[in-house]
PDB file of N, CA and C in Angstrom:
ATOM      1  N   GLY A   1     -32.755   8.466  -6.065  1.00  0.00           N
ATOM      2  CA  GLY A   1     -32.619   7.365  -5.146  1.00  0.00           C
ATOM      3  C   GLY A   1     -31.807   6.318  -5.265  1.00  0.00           C
ATOM      4  N   ALA A   2     -32.463   5.165  -5.771  1.00  0.00           N
ATOM      5  CA  ALA A   2     -31.668   3.997  -5.659  1.00  0.00           C
ATOM      6  C   ALA A   2     -30.612   4.163  -6.512  1.00  0.00           C
ATOM      7  N   TRP A   3     -30.583   4.499  -7.833  1.00  0.00           N
ATOM      8  CA  TRP A   3     -29.434   4.702  -8.608  1.00  0.00           C
ATOM      9  C   TRP A   3     -28.382   5.370  -8.214  1.00  0.00           C
ATOM     10  N   THR A   4     -28.530   6.423  -7.260  1.00  0.00           N
ATOM     11  CA  THR A   4     -27.644   7.288  -6.696  1.00  0.00           C
ATOM     12  C   THR A   4     -27.222   6.340  -5.379  1.00  0.00           C
ATOM     13  N   ALA A   5     -27.592   5.726  -4.624  1.00  0.00           N
ATOM     14  CA  ALA A   5     -27.271   4.863  -3.842  1.00  0.00           C
ATOM     15  C   ALA A   5     -26.352   3.734  -4.434  1.00  0.00           C
ATOM     16  N   ALA A   6     -26.750   3.103  -5.646  1.00  0.00           N
ATOM     17  CA  ALA A   6     -25.677   2.388  -6.152  1.00  0.00           C
ATOM     18  C   ALA A   6     -24.394   2.824  -6.522  1.00  0.00           C
ATOM     19  N   GLU A   7     -24.638   4.204  -7.193  1.00  0.00           N
ATOM     20  CA  GLU A   7     -23.362   4.800  -7.723  1.00  0.00           C
ATOM     21  C   GLU A   7     -22.427   4.949  -6.160  1.00  0.00           C
ATOM     22  N   GLU A   8     -23.017   5.522  -5.253  1.00  0.00           N
ATOM     23  CA  GLU A   8     -22.326   5.860  -4.203  1.00  0.00           C
ATOM     24  C   GLU A   8     -21.800   4.609  -3.553  1.00  0.00           C
ATOM     25  N   GLY A   9     -22.441   3.490  -3.551  1.00  0.00           N
ATOM     26  CA  GLY A   9     -21.835   2.188  -3.065  1.00  0.00           C
ATOM     27  C   GLY A   9     -20.524   1.764  -3.883  1.00  0.00           C
ATOM     28  N   ALA A  10     -20.989   1.862  -5.321  1.00  0.00           N
ATOM     29  CA  ALA A  10     -19.601   1.398  -6.180  1.00  0.00           C
ATOM     30  C   ALA A  10     -18.471   2.360  -5.803  1.00  0.00           C
ATOM     31  N   LYS A  11     -18.551   3.531  -5.538  1.00  0.00           N
ATOM     32  CA  LYS A  11     -17.419   4.507  -5.329  1.00  0.00           C
ATOM     33  C   LYS A  11     -16.748   3.934  -3.996  1.00  0.00           C
ATOM     34  N   PHE A  12     -17.578   3.787  -3.060  1.00  0.00           N
ATOM     35  CA  PHE A  12     -16.934   3.249  -1.786  1.00  0.00           C
ATOM     36  C   PHE A  12     -16.197   1.997  -2.136  1.00  0.00           C
ATOM     37  N   PHE A  13     -16.608   1.153  -2.711  1.00  0.00           N
ATOM     38  CA  PHE A  13     -16.153  -0.344  -3.067  1.00  0.00           C
ATOM     39  C   PHE A  13     -14.705  -0.049  -3.768  1.00  0.00           C
ATOM     40  N   LYS A  14     -15.015   0.835  -4.761  1.00  0.00           N
ATOM     41  CA  LYS A  14     -13.974   1.139  -5.673  1.00  0.00           C
ATOM     42  C   LYS A  14     -12.449   1.486  -4.971  1.00  0.00           C
ATOM     43  N   ASN A  15     -12.913   2.469  -3.726  1.00  0.00           N
ATOM     44  CA  ASN A  15     -11.816   2.957  -3.017  1.00  0.00           C
ATOM     45  C   ASN A  15     -11.304   1.962  -1.960  1.00  0.00           C
ATOM     46  N   VAL A  16     -12.168   1.052  -1.683  1.00  0.00           N
ATOM     47  CA  VAL A  16     -11.579  -0.284  -0.720  1.00  0.00           C
ATOM     48  C   VAL A  16     -10.567  -1.306  -1.610  1.00  0.00           C
ATOM     49  N   VAL A  17     -11.163  -1.531  -2.813  1.00  0.00           N
ATOM     50  CA  VAL A  17     -10.425  -2.419  -3.740  1.00  0.00           C
ATOM     51  C   VAL A  17      -9.062  -1.817  -4.110  1.00  0.00           C
ATOM     52  N   ASN A  18      -9.192  -0.556  -4.166  1.00  0.00           N
ATOM     53  CA  ASN A  18      -7.709   0.228  -4.554  1.00  0.00           C
ATOM     54  C   ASN A  18      -6.763   0.001  -3.437  1.00  0.00           C
ATOM     55  N   GLU A  19      -7.103  -0.265  -2.233  1.00  0.00           N
ATOM     56  CA  GLU A  19      -6.090  -0.648  -1.251  1.00  0.00           C
ATOM     57  C   GLU A  19      -5.658  -1.997  -1.302  1.00  0.00           C
ATOM     58  N   MET A  20      -6.014  -2.929  -2.310  1.00  0.00           N
ATOM     59  CA  MET A  20      -5.698  -4.153  -2.218  1.00  0.00           C
ATOM     60  C   MET A  20      -4.075  -4.267  -2.652  1.00  0.00           C
ATOM     61  N   SER A  21      -3.219  -3.125  -3.192  1.00  0.00           N
ATOM     62  CA  SER A  21      -1.957  -3.131  -3.079  1.00  0.00           C
ATOM     63  C   SER A  21      -1.329  -3.046  -2.041  1.00  0.00           C
ATOM     64  N   ALA A  22      -1.985  -2.828  -1.184  1.00  0.00           N
ATOM     65  CA  ALA A  22      -1.293  -2.905   0.409  1.00  0.00           C
ATOM     66  C   ALA A  22      -1.292  -4.275   0.952  1.00  0.00           C
ATOM     67  N   ASN A  23      -2.196  -5.471   0.616  1.00  0.00           N
ATOM     68  CA  ASN A  23      -2.274  -6.530   0.743  1.00  0.00           C
ATOM     69  C   ASN A  23      -2.881  -7.272  -0.283  1.00  0.00           C
ATOM     70  N   PRO A  24      -2.185  -8.277  -1.164  1.00  0.00           N
ATOM     71  CA  PRO A  24      -2.622  -8.533  -2.478  1.00  0.00           C
ATOM     72  C   PRO A  24      -3.750  -9.857  -1.832  1.00  0.00           C
ATOM     73  N   ARG A  25      -3.450 -10.447  -0.588  1.00  0.00           N
ATOM     74  CA  ARG A  25      -4.180 -11.449  -0.221  1.00  0.00           C
ATOM     75  C   ARG A  25      -5.698 -11.182   0.703  1.00  0.00           C
ATOM     76  N   MET A  26      -6.065  -9.751   0.437  1.00  0.00           N
ATOM     77  CA  MET A  26      -7.322  -9.325   1.400  1.00  0.00           C
ATOM     78  C   MET A  26      -8.450  -9.788   0.677  1.00  0.00           C
ATOM     79  N   LEU A  27      -9.228 -10.172   1.697  1.00  0.00           N
ATOM     80  CA  LEU A  27     -10.801 -10.736   1.205  1.00  0.00           C
ATOM     81  C   LEU A  27     -11.507  -9.462   1.737  1.00  0.00           C
ATOM     82  N   ILE A  28     -12.269  -9.102   0.783  1.00  0.00           N
ATOM     83  CA  ILE A  28     -13.125  -7.931   0.742  1.00  0.00           C
ATOM     84  C   ILE A  28     -14.651  -8.350   0.899  1.00  0.00           C
ATOM     85  N   ILE A  29     -15.638  -7.932   1.938  1.00  0.00           N
ATOM     86  CA  ILE A  29     -16.944  -8.334   1.741  1.00  0.00           C
ATOM     87  C   ILE A  29     -17.713  -6.995   1.993  1.00  0.00           C
ATOM     88  N   HIS A  30     -18.346  -6.595   0.867  1.00  0.00           N
ATOM     89  CA  HIS A  30     -19.061  -5.242   0.925  1.00  0.00           C
ATOM     90  C   HIS A  30     -20.391  -5.849   0.881  1.00  0.00           C
ATOM     91  N   GLU A  31     -21.335  -5.328   2.107  1.00  0.00           N
ATOM     92  CA  GLU A  31     -22.456  -5.665   2.748  1.00  0.00           C
ATOM     93  C   GLU A  31     -23.469  -4.457   2.314  1.00  0.00           C
ATOM     94  N   CYS A  32     -24.325  -4.854   1.690  1.00  0.00           N
ATOM     95  CA  CYS A  32     -25.713  -3.840   1.485  1.00  0.00           C
ATOM     96  C   CYS A  32     -26.837  -4.198   2.440  1.00  0.00           C
ATOM     97  N   MET A  33     -27.128  -3.422   3.150  1.00  0.00           N
ATOM     98  CA  MET A  33     -28.522  -3.923   3.956  1.00  0.00           C
ATOM     99  C   MET A  33     -29.871  -2.911   3.785  1.00  0.00           C
ATOM    100  N   GLY A  34     -30.944  -3.701   3.826  1.00  0.00           N
ATOM    101  CA  GLY A  34     -32.123  -2.840   3.595  1.00  0.00           C
ATOM    102  C   GLY A  34     -33.128  -3.796   2.849  1.00  0.00           C
ATOM    103  N   ARG A  35     -34.340  -3.134   3.005  1.00  0.00           N
ATOM    104  CA  ARG A  35     -35.333  -3.925   2.288  1.00  0.00           C
ATOM    105  C   ARG A  35     -35.026  -4.247   0.514  1.00  0.00           C
ATOM    106  N   ASP A  36     -35.287  -5.320   0.118  1.00  0.00           N
ATOM    107  CA  ASP A  36     -35.079  -5.619  -1.363  1.00  0.00           C
ATOM    108  C   ASP A  36     -33.577  -5.240  -1.543  1.00  0.00           C
ATOM    109  N   CYS A  37     -32.553  -5.507  -0.639  1.00  0.00           N
ATOM    110  CA  CYS A  37     -31.212  -4.978  -0.746  1.00  0.00           C
ATOM    111  C   CYS A  37     -30.447  -5.916  -1.728  1.00  0.00           C
ATOM    112  N   GLY A  38     -31.093  -6.912  -2.298  1.00  0.00           N
ATOM    113  CA  GLY A  38     -30.349  -7.692  -3.393  1.00  0.00           C
ATOM    114  C   GLY A  38     -30.444  -6.781  -4.606  1.00  0.00           C
ATOM    115  N   TYR A  39     -31.373  -6.002  -5.059  1.00  0.00           N
ATOM    116  CA  TYR A  39     -31.371  -5.108  -5.994  1.00  0.00           C
ATOM    117  C   TYR A  39     -30.365  -4.124  -5.933  1.00  0.00           C
ATOM    118  N   LEU A  40     -30.252  -3.491  -4.891  1.00  0.00           N
ATOM    119  CA  LEU A  40     -29.164  -2.517  -4.751  1.00  0.00           C
ATOM    120  C   LEU A  40     -27.757  -3.096  -4.789  1.00  0.00           C
ATOM    121  N   THR A  41     -27.701  -4.111  -4.169  1.00  0.00           N
ATOM    122  CA  THR A  41     -26.254  -4.871  -4.211  1.00  0.00           C
ATOM    123  C   THR A  41     -25.970  -5.031  -5.910  1.00  0.00           C
ATOM    124  N   ALA A  42     -26.887  -5.630  -6.453  1.00  0.00           N
ATOM    125  CA  ALA A  42     -26.717  -5.918  -7.934  1.00  0.00           C
ATOM    126  C   ALA A  42     -26.258  -4.759  -8.992  1.00  0.00           C
ATOM    127  N   ALA A  43     -27.044  -3.585  -8.394  1.00  0.00           N
ATOM    128  CA  ALA A  43     -27.031  -2.506  -8.937  1.00  0.00           C
ATOM    129  C   ALA A  43     -25.490  -1.805  -8.691  1.00  0.00           C
ATOM    130  N   THR A  44     -25.503  -1.854  -7.543  1.00  0.00           N
ATOM    131  CA  THR A  44     -23.882  -1.452  -7.010  1.00  0.00           C
ATOM    132  C   THR A  44     -22.869  -2.286  -7.505  1.00  0.00           C
ATOM    133  N   CYS A  45     -22.973  -3.310  -7.653  1.00  0.00           N
ATOM    134  CA  CYS A  45     -22.107  -4.125  -8.608  1.00  0.00           C
ATOM    135  C   CYS A  45     -21.703  -3.858  -9.900  1.00  0.00           C
ATOM    136  N   LYS A  46     -23.003  -3.588 -10.695  1.00  0.00           N
ATOM    137  CA  LYS A  46     -22.851  -3.257 -12.063  1.00  0.00           C
ATOM    138  C   LYS A  46     -22.150  -1.884 -12.363  1.00  0.00           C
ATOM    139  N   SER A  47     -22.649  -0.843 -11.221  1.00  0.00           N
ATOM    140  CA  SER A  47     -22.049   0.524 -11.454  1.00  0.00           C
ATOM    141  C   SER A  47     -20.507   0.461 -11.152  1.00  0.00           C
ATOM    142  N   TYR A  48     -20.110  -0.434 -10.181  1.00  0.00           N
ATOM    143  CA  TYR A  48     -18.624  -0.729  -9.825  1.00  0.00           C
ATOM    144  C   TYR A  48     -17.995  -1.214 -11.263  1.00  0.00           C
ATOM    145  N   LEU A  49     -18.450  -2.350 -11.852  1.00  0.00           N
ATOM    146  CA  LEU A  49     -18.049  -2.921 -12.904  1.00  0.00           C
ATOM    147  C   LEU A  49     -17.819  -2.034 -14.012  1.00  0.00           C
ATOM    148  N   ASP A  50     -18.909  -1.258 -14.455  1.00  0.00           N
ATOM    149  CA  ASP A  50     -18.949  -0.356 -15.540  1.00  0.00           C
ATOM    150  C   ASP A  50     -17.737   0.754 -15.145  1.00  0.00           C
ATOM    151  N   SER A  51     -17.522   0.998 -13.972  1.00  0.00           N
ATOM    152  CA  SER A  51     -16.203   2.149 -13.890  1.00  0.00           C
ATOM    153  C   SER A  51     -14.837   1.487 -14.016  1.00  0.00           C
ATOM    154  N   LEU A  52     -14.945   0.134 -14.171  1.00  0.00           N
ATOM    155  CA  LEU A  52     -13.586  -0.285 -14.355  1.00  0.00           C
ATOM    156  C   LEU A  52     -13.352  -0.112 -16.173  1.00  0.00           C
ATOM    157  N   THR A  53     -14.248   0.221 -16.853  1.00  0.00           N
ATOM    158  CA  THR A  53     -14.211   0.219 -18.460  1.00  0.00           C
ATOM    159  C   THR A  53     -13.253   1.640 -18.449  1.00  0.00           C
ATOM    160  N   GLY A  54     -11.973   1.060 -19.458  1.00  0.00           N
ATOM    161  CA  GLY A  54     -11.228   2.363 -19.757  1.00  0.00           C
ATOM    162  C   GLY A  54     -10.183   2.384 -19.065  1.00  0.00           C
ATOM    163  N   LEU A  55     -10.102   1.894 -17.845  1.00  0.00           N
ATOM    164  CA  LEU A  55      -8.925   2.034 -16.982  1.00  0.00           C
ATOM    165  C   LEU A  55      -7.486   1.397 -17.625  1.00  0.00           C
ATOM    166  N   PRO A  56      -6.775   1.891 -17.182  1.00  0.00           N
ATOM    167  CA  PRO A  56      -5.202   1.453 -17.688  1.00  0.00           C
ATOM    168  C   PRO A  56      -5.046   0.325 -16.625  1.00  0.00           C
ATOM    169  N   PHE A  57      -4.535  -0.925 -17.047  1.00  0.00           N
ATOM    170  CA  PHE A  57      -4.132  -1.809 -16.283  1.00  0.00           C
ATOM    171  C   PHE A  57      -2.597  -2.359 -16.901  1.00  0.00           C
ATOM    172  N   VAL A  58      -1.968  -2.535 -15.860  1.00  0.00           N
ATOM    173  CA  VAL A  58      -0.423  -2.812 -16.071  1.00  0.00           C
ATOM    174  C   VAL A  58       0.083  -4.119 -15.472  1.00  0.00           C
ATOM    175  N   PRO A  59      -0.301  -5.349 -15.980  1.00  0.00           N
ATOM    176  CA  PRO A  59       0.094  -6.493 -15.208  1.00  0.00           C
ATOM    177  C   PRO A  59       1.333  -6.472 -14.613  1.00  0.00           C
ATOM    178  N   GLY A  60       2.469  -5.998 -15.208  1.00  0.00           N
ATOM    179  CA  GLY A  60       3.690  -6.263 -14.904  1.00  0.00           C
ATOM    180  C   GLY A  60       4.086  -5.519 -13.624  1.00  0.00           C
ATOM    181  N   LEU A  61       3.057  -4.642 -12.946  1.00  0.00           N
ATOM    182  CA  LEU A  61       3.074  -3.819 -11.831  1.00  0.00           C
ATOM    183  C   LEU A  61       2.042  -4.575 -10.890  1.00  0.00           C
ATOM    184  N   GLY A  62       1.328  -5.451 -11.271  1.00  0.00           N
ATOM    185  CA  GLY A  62       0.438  -6.129 -10.373  1.00  0.00           C
ATOM    186  C   GLY A  62      -0.976  -5.477 -10.379  1.00  0.00           C
ATOM    187  N   LEU A  63      -0.984  -4.580 -11.424  1.00  0.00           N
ATOM    188  CA  LEU A  63      -2.339  -4.011 -11.468  1.00  0.00           C
ATOM    189  C   LEU A  63      -2.998  -4.758 -12.668  1.00  0.00           C
ATOM    190  N   GLU A  64      -3.806  -5.535 -12.376  1.00  0.00           N
ATOM    191  CA  GLU A  64      -4.401  -6.553 -13.068  1.00  0.00           C
ATOM    192  C   GLU A  64      -6.082  -6.470 -13.174  1.00  0.00           C
ATOM    193  N   LYS A  65      -7.012  -6.603 -13.968  1.00  0.00           N
ATOM    194  CA  LYS A  65      -8.253  -6.274 -14.077  1.00  0.00           C
ATOM    195  C   LYS A  65      -8.799  -7.181 -13.046  1.00  0.00           C
ATOM    196  N   ASP A  66      -8.132  -8.482 -13.152  1.00  0.00           N
ATOM    197  CA  ASP A  66      -8.780  -9.674 -12.246  1.00  0.00           C
ATOM    198  C   ASP A  66      -8.527  -9.641 -11.007  1.00  0.00           C
ATOM    199  N   LYS A  67      -7.768  -8.505 -10.460  1.00  0.00           N
ATOM    200  CA  LYS A  67      -7.710  -8.485  -9.238  1.00  0.00           C
ATOM    201  C   LYS A  67      -8.637  -7.363  -8.596  1.00  0.00           C
ATOM    202  N   LYS A  68      -9.344  -6.526  -9.497  1.00  0.00           N
ATOM    203  CA  LYS A  68     -10.315  -5.709  -9.183  1.00  0.00           C
ATOM    204  C   LYS A  68     -12.003  -6.001  -9.634  1.00  0.00           C
ATOM    205  N   LEU A  69     -11.900  -7.402 -10.134  1.00  0.00           N
ATOM    206  CA  LEU A  69     -13.190  -7.671 -10.400  1.00  0.00           C
ATOM    207  C   LEU A  69     -13.713  -8.161  -9.114  1.00  0.00           C
ATOM    208  N   VAL A  70     -15.203  -8.234  -9.105  1.00  0.00           N
ATOM    209  CA  VAL A  70     -16.090  -8.799  -8.058  1.00  0.00           C
ATOM    210  C   VAL A  70     -16.037 -10.470  -8.360  1.00  0.00           C
ATOM    211  N   HIS A  71     -15.735 -11.039  -7.480  1.00  0.00           N
ATOM    212  CA  HIS A  71     -15.477 -12.483  -7.724  1.00  0.00           C
ATOM    213  C   HIS A  71     -17.021 -13.464  -7.416  1.00  0.00           C
ATOM    214  N   ALA A  72     -17.623 -12.639  -6.558  1.00  0.00           N
ATOM    215  CA  ALA A  72     -18.797 -13.528  -6.223  1.00  0.00           C
ATOM    216  C   ALA A  72     -19.891 -12.336  -5.762  1.00  0.00           C
ATOM    217  N   LEU A  73     -21.091 -12.527  -6.079  1.00  0.00           N
ATOM    218  CA  LEU A  73     -22.150 -11.746  -5.558  1.00  0.00           C
ATOM    219  C   LEU A  73     -23.462 -12.481  -5.168  1.00  0.00           C
ATOM    220  N   TYR A  74     -23.762 -12.238  -3.820  1.00  0.00           N
ATOM    221  CA  TYR A  74     -24.870 -13.129  -3.273  1.00  0.00           C
ATOM    222  C   TYR A  74     -25.974 -12.265  -2.726  1.00  0.00           C
ATOM    223  N   ILE A  75     -27.214 -12.492  -3.196  1.00  0.00           N
ATOM    224  CA  ILE A  75     -28.356 -11.571  -2.852  1.00  0.00           C
ATOM    225  C   ILE A  75     -29.459 -12.298  -2.227  1.00  0.00           C
ATOM    226  N   PRO A  76     -30.018 -11.818  -1.234  1.00  0.00           N
ATOM    227  CA  PRO A  76     -30.942 -12.761  -0.196  1.00  0.00           C
ATOM    228  C   PRO A  76     -32.155 -13.211  -1.374  1.00  0.00           C
ATOM    229  N   GLU A  77     -32.490 -12.470  -2.377  1.00  0.00           N
ATOM    230  CA  GLU A  77     -33.795 -12.854  -2.939  1.00  0.00           C
ATOM    231  C   GLU A  77     -33.250 -14.068  -3.812  1.00  0.00           C
ATOM    232  N   LEU A  78     -32.470 -14.572  -4.015  1.00  0.00           N
ATOM    233  CA  LEU A  78     -31.947 -16.076  -4.411  1.00  0.00           C
ATOM    234  C   LEU A  78     -31.411 -17.112  -3.518  1.00  0.00           C
ATOM    235  N   PRO A  79     -31.872 -18.152  -3.611  1.00  0.00           N
ATOM    236  CA  PRO A  79     -31.149 -19.342  -2.779  1.00  0.00           C
ATOM    237  C   PRO A  79     -29.833 -19.345  -2.834  1.00  0.00           C
ATOM    238  N   LEU A  80     -28.973 -19.943  -1.799  1.00  0.00           N
ATOM    239  CA  LEU A  80     -27.580 -19.821  -1.777  1.00  0.00           C
ATOM    240  C   LEU A  80     -27.174 -21.350  -1.478  1.00  0.00           C
ATOM    241  N   ASP A  81     -26.471 -21.851  -2.682  1.00  0.00           N
ATOM    242  CA  ASP A  81     -26.005 -23.333  -2.529  1.00  0.00           C
ATOM    243  C   ASP A  81     -24.694 -23.415  -1.857  1.00  0.00           C
ATOM    244  N   CYS A  82     -24.410 -23.339  -0.611  1.00  0.00           N
ATOM    245  CA  CYS A  82     -23.223 -23.372  -0.155  1.00  0.00           C
ATOM    246  C   CYS A  82     -22.106 -24.617  -0.818  1.00  0.00           C
ATOM    247  N   ASP A  83     -22.750 -25.730  -0.834  1.00  0.00           N
ATOM    248  CA  ASP A  83     -22.041 -27.084  -1.251  1.00  0.00           C
ATOM    249  C   ASP A  83     -21.666 -26.764  -2.629  1.00  0.00           C
ATOM    250  N   GLY A  84     -22.434 -26.178  -3.537  1.00  0.00           N
ATOM    251  CA  GLY A  84     -22.216 -25.621  -4.791  1.00  0.00           C
ATOM    252  C   GLY A  84     -21.156 -24.562  -5.386  1.00  0.00           C
ATOM    253  N   GLU A  85     -21.156 -23.746  -4.248  1.00  0.00           N
ATOM    254  CA  GLU A  85     -19.914 -22.750  -4.079  1.00  0.00           C
ATOM    255  C   GLU A  85     -18.914 -23.210  -3.739  1.00  0.00           C
ATOM    256  N   ALA A  86     -18.460 -24.312  -3.148  1.00  0.00           N
ATOM    257  CA  ALA A  86     -17.492 -24.754  -2.602  1.00  0.00           C
ATOM    258  C   ALA A  86     -16.356 -25.212  -3.564  1.00  0.00           C
TER     259      ALA A  86
END
């Protein structure tokens, strides 16, 4: 159930992030919806980050791990401080 949903979400996100070579200034927003979706969002993020382990990165070709990382994760179960994020 939930772990499979997280793994599938991570695969989808990985495919979208791989398109960053077409536009390096791309902003990607991946949204998970549903009851208690923050837990699914967090599990999807963890599954995606785990999938990066062992990948070959070639900084000279623009294939840097920084470009594939998740830079922010917001979940509804925690309050969001927009001023603190700025």
